Amino acid sequence: MHHATSNARIAQDDAARKARPAMTVAQPPTEITATCPTCGQVSTFTYLGAQAWPERVAAKLNIDPITHSWRCDCCQTTVTDLHKTR
């Protein structure tokens, strides 16, 4: 009986996941120019991609649910836009 209940719960979770709309992320520019916080150089930063955080995690951390990562072309440091809080 427990096995059937577990299977029913899994089916419900799968149906709920499929019913949710897909999250879309606005694509930022592929490169930006800024001062690197690590090497201090005015550098080109290359866009690496977006990180999607679950809403509950983002709320707990007081950050946007989507953060973007960039790499400094001078020193290869990776930075995110996490400093932009809600």
Protein backbone atom coordinates (compact mmCIF):
# COMPACT_ATOMS: atom_id res chain seq x y z
CA MET A 1 0.00 0.00 0.00
CA HIS A 2 2.85 2.38 0.82
CA HIS A 3 4.43 1.72 -2.60
CA ALA A 4 1.22 2.71 -4.40
CA THR A 5 0.98 5.91 -2.34
CA SER A 6 4.59 6.78 -3.22
CA ASN A 7 3.94 6.20 -6.91
CA ALA A 8 0.83 8.38 -6.78
CA ARG A 9 2.82 11.16 -5.08
CA ILE A 10 5.58 10.92 -7.71
CA ALA A 11 2.96 11.13 -10.48
CA GLN A 12 1.43 14.23 -8.84
CA ASP A 13 4.85 15.89 -8.51
CA ASP A 14 5.67 15.13 -12.16
CA ALA A 15 2.32 16.54 -13.32
CA ALA A 16 2.82 19.72 -11.26
CA ARG A 17 6.35 20.17 -12.63
CA LYS A 18 5.15 19.79 -16.23
CA ALA A 19 2.29 22.25 -15.64
CA ARG A 20 4.64 25.03 -14.50
CA PRO A 21 5.61 27.51 -17.21
CA ALA A 22 9.23 27.35 -18.33
CA MET A 23 11.43 30.04 -16.77
CA THR A 24 12.79 32.45 -19.34
CA VAL A 25 15.90 34.51 -18.79
CA ALA A 26 16.59 37.77 -20.59
CA GLN A 27 19.94 37.42 -22.32
CA PRO A 28 22.39 40.12 -21.21
CA PRO A 29 25.10 41.40 -23.56
CA THR A 30 27.87 38.91 -24.31
CA GLU A 31 30.52 41.39 -23.16
CA ILE A 32 30.64 44.40 -20.85
CA THR A 33 33.45 46.74 -19.81
CA ALA A 34 33.95 47.34 -16.09
CA THR A 35 36.60 47.58 -13.38
CA CYS A 36 37.46 44.14 -12.04
CA PRO A 37 37.12 43.90 -8.24
CA THR A 38 40.03 41.43 -8.13
CA CYS A 39 42.74 42.83 -10.43
CA GLY A 40 41.55 46.45 -10.47
CA GLN A 41 41.90 46.70 -14.26
CA VAL A 42 39.27 48.17 -16.54
CA SER A 43 38.54 44.98 -18.44
CA THR A 44 36.13 43.31 -20.77
CA PHE A 45 33.94 40.81 -18.95
CA THR A 46 32.63 37.88 -20.96
CA TYR A 47 29.17 36.59 -20.12
CA LEU A 48 29.25 32.96 -18.92
CA GLY A 49 25.59 32.26 -18.23
CA ALA A 50 22.69 32.45 -15.82
CA GLN A 51 22.09 30.60 -12.56
CA ALA A 52 18.48 30.00 -11.54
CA TRP A 53 17.87 29.76 -7.79
CA PRO A 54 14.70 28.26 -6.27
CA GLU A 55 12.41 31.06 -5.08
CA ARG A 56 12.68 30.01 -1.43
CA VAL A 57 16.49 30.03 -1.56
CA ALA A 58 16.59 33.40 -3.33
CA ALA A 59 14.20 34.89 -0.78
CA LYS A 60 16.25 33.54 2.14
CA LEU A 61 19.47 34.96 0.65
CA ASN A 62 17.74 38.20 -0.40
CA ILE A 63 18.94 37.84 -4.00
CA ASP A 64 17.25 37.75 -7.38
CA PRO A 65 16.15 34.26 -8.44
CA ILE A 66 18.29 34.62 -11.59
CA THR A 67 21.94 35.67 -11.28
CA HIS A 68 24.43 36.16 -14.09
CA SER A 69 28.12 35.20 -14.19
CA TRP A 70 30.90 37.08 -15.96
CA ARG A 71 34.65 36.41 -16.45
CA CYS A 72 37.31 39.11 -16.39
CA ASP A 73 39.42 38.86 -19.56
CA CYS A 74 42.49 40.19 -17.68
CA CYS A 75 42.71 37.86 -14.67
CA GLN A 76 40.01 35.24 -15.42
CA THR A 77 38.15 35.94 -12.16
CA THR A 78 34.50 34.95 -12.30
CA VAL A 79 32.06 37.39 -10.73
CA THR A 80 28.29 37.41 -10.45
CA ASP A 81 25.72 40.12 -10.11
CA LEU A 82 24.79 38.86 -6.63
CA HIS A 83 25.52 42.33 -5.25
CA LYS A 84 22.17 43.34 -6.75
CA THR A 85 19.77 42.41 -3.99
CA ARG A 86 16.00 42.66 -4.17
